[in-house]
Amino acid sequence: MTVTSLRFKDEQYREIKELAEFEGVSVTTFMRQTILDRLQDEDDYYEAAQNLEESNGETVSRDEIRRRLGIV
């Protein structure tokens, strides 16, 4: 496991701490989860962009997806 440190202006840290308290977690847990969520978002975006490229820009409507899944 790797340990790292971050520096924030006092006001920025106060805002982070308030959000962590609102979520009911420690500042460390809040920052770790926020970063991991961002990494997941980036992975999702990359995968979506790759899928769109592989489909040559062809898309399927939400209604078509619902029909295919039998959710209509």
Protein backbone atom coordinates (compact mmCIF):
# COMPACT_ATOMS: atom_id res chain seq x y z
CA MET A 1 0.00 0.00 0.00
CA THR A 2 1.23 3.50 -0.79
CA VAL A 3 0.74 6.53 1.42
CA THR A 4 0.56 10.01 -0.05
CA SER A 5 -0.04 13.48 1.28
CA LEU A 6 -1.95 16.40 -0.17
CA ARG A 7 -1.83 20.11 0.55
CA PHE A 8 -4.93 22.27 0.53
CA LYS A 9 -5.61 25.87 1.34
CA ASP A 10 -7.39 26.13 4.68
CA GLU A 11 -10.70 27.05 3.05
CA GLN A 12 -10.49 24.13 0.61
CA TYR A 13 -9.80 21.69 3.45
CA ARG A 14 -12.71 23.10 5.45
CA GLU A 15 -15.04 22.44 2.52
CA ILE A 16 -13.71 18.90 2.12
CA LYS A 17 -14.10 18.25 5.83
CA GLU A 18 -17.69 19.55 5.78
CA LEU A 19 -18.56 17.27 2.87
CA ALA A 20 -16.95 14.29 4.58
CA GLU A 21 -18.90 15.01 7.76
CA PHE A 22 -22.09 15.34 5.74
CA GLU A 23 -21.39 11.92 4.19
CA GLY A 24 -20.59 10.51 7.63
CA VAL A 25 -17.04 9.45 6.79
CA SER A 26 -13.53 10.58 7.63
CA VAL A 27 -11.74 13.09 5.45
CA THR A 28 -9.34 10.35 4.33
CA THR A 29 -12.17 8.02 3.34
CA PHE A 30 -13.98 10.84 1.55
CA MET A 31 -10.90 11.84 -0.46
CA ARG A 32 -10.00 8.23 -1.29
CA GLN A 33 -13.54 7.44 -2.49
CA THR A 34 -13.76 10.68 -4.48
CA ILE A 35 -10.54 9.87 -6.32
CA LEU A 36 -11.58 6.26 -6.95
CA ASP A 37 -14.98 7.44 -8.25
CA ARG A 38 -13.19 9.78 -10.66
CA LEU A 39 -10.98 6.95 -11.87
CA GLN A 40 -14.08 4.82 -12.50
CA ASP A 41 -15.71 7.69 -14.41
CA GLU A 42 -12.61 8.01 -16.59
CA ASP A 43 -12.60 4.26 -17.25
CA ASP A 44 -16.30 4.37 -18.16
CA TYR A 45 -15.73 7.29 -20.51
CA TYR A 46 -12.80 5.56 -22.21
CA GLU A 47 -14.81 2.38 -22.65
CA ALA A 48 -17.80 4.29 -24.06
CA ALA A 49 -15.59 6.23 -26.48
CA GLN A 50 -13.92 3.00 -27.61
CA ASN A 51 -17.31 1.30 -28.11
CA LEU A 52 -18.57 4.27 -30.12
CA GLU A 53 -15.45 4.20 -32.29
CA GLU A 54 -15.79 0.46 -32.89
CA SER A 55 -19.44 0.92 -33.88
CA ASN A 56 -18.43 3.55 -36.46
CA GLY A 57 -20.70 6.05 -34.69
CA GLU A 58 -23.80 3.87 -35.01
CA THR A 59 -26.00 4.15 -31.93
CA VAL A 60 -29.14 2.46 -30.62
CA SER A 61 -32.00 4.42 -29.09
CA ARG A 62 -33.05 3.97 -25.48
CA ASP A 63 -36.41 2.64 -26.67
CA GLU A 64 -34.64 0.01 -28.79
CA ILE A 65 -32.52 -1.07 -25.83
CA ARG A 66 -35.63 -1.34 -23.66
CA ARG A 67 -37.38 -3.39 -26.37
CA ARG A 68 -34.40 -5.72 -26.68
CA LEU A 69 -34.32 -6.22 -22.91
CA GLY A 70 -38.09 -6.75 -22.74
CA ILE A 71 -38.61 -3.75 -20.48
CA VAL A 72 -41.22 -2.05 -22.69
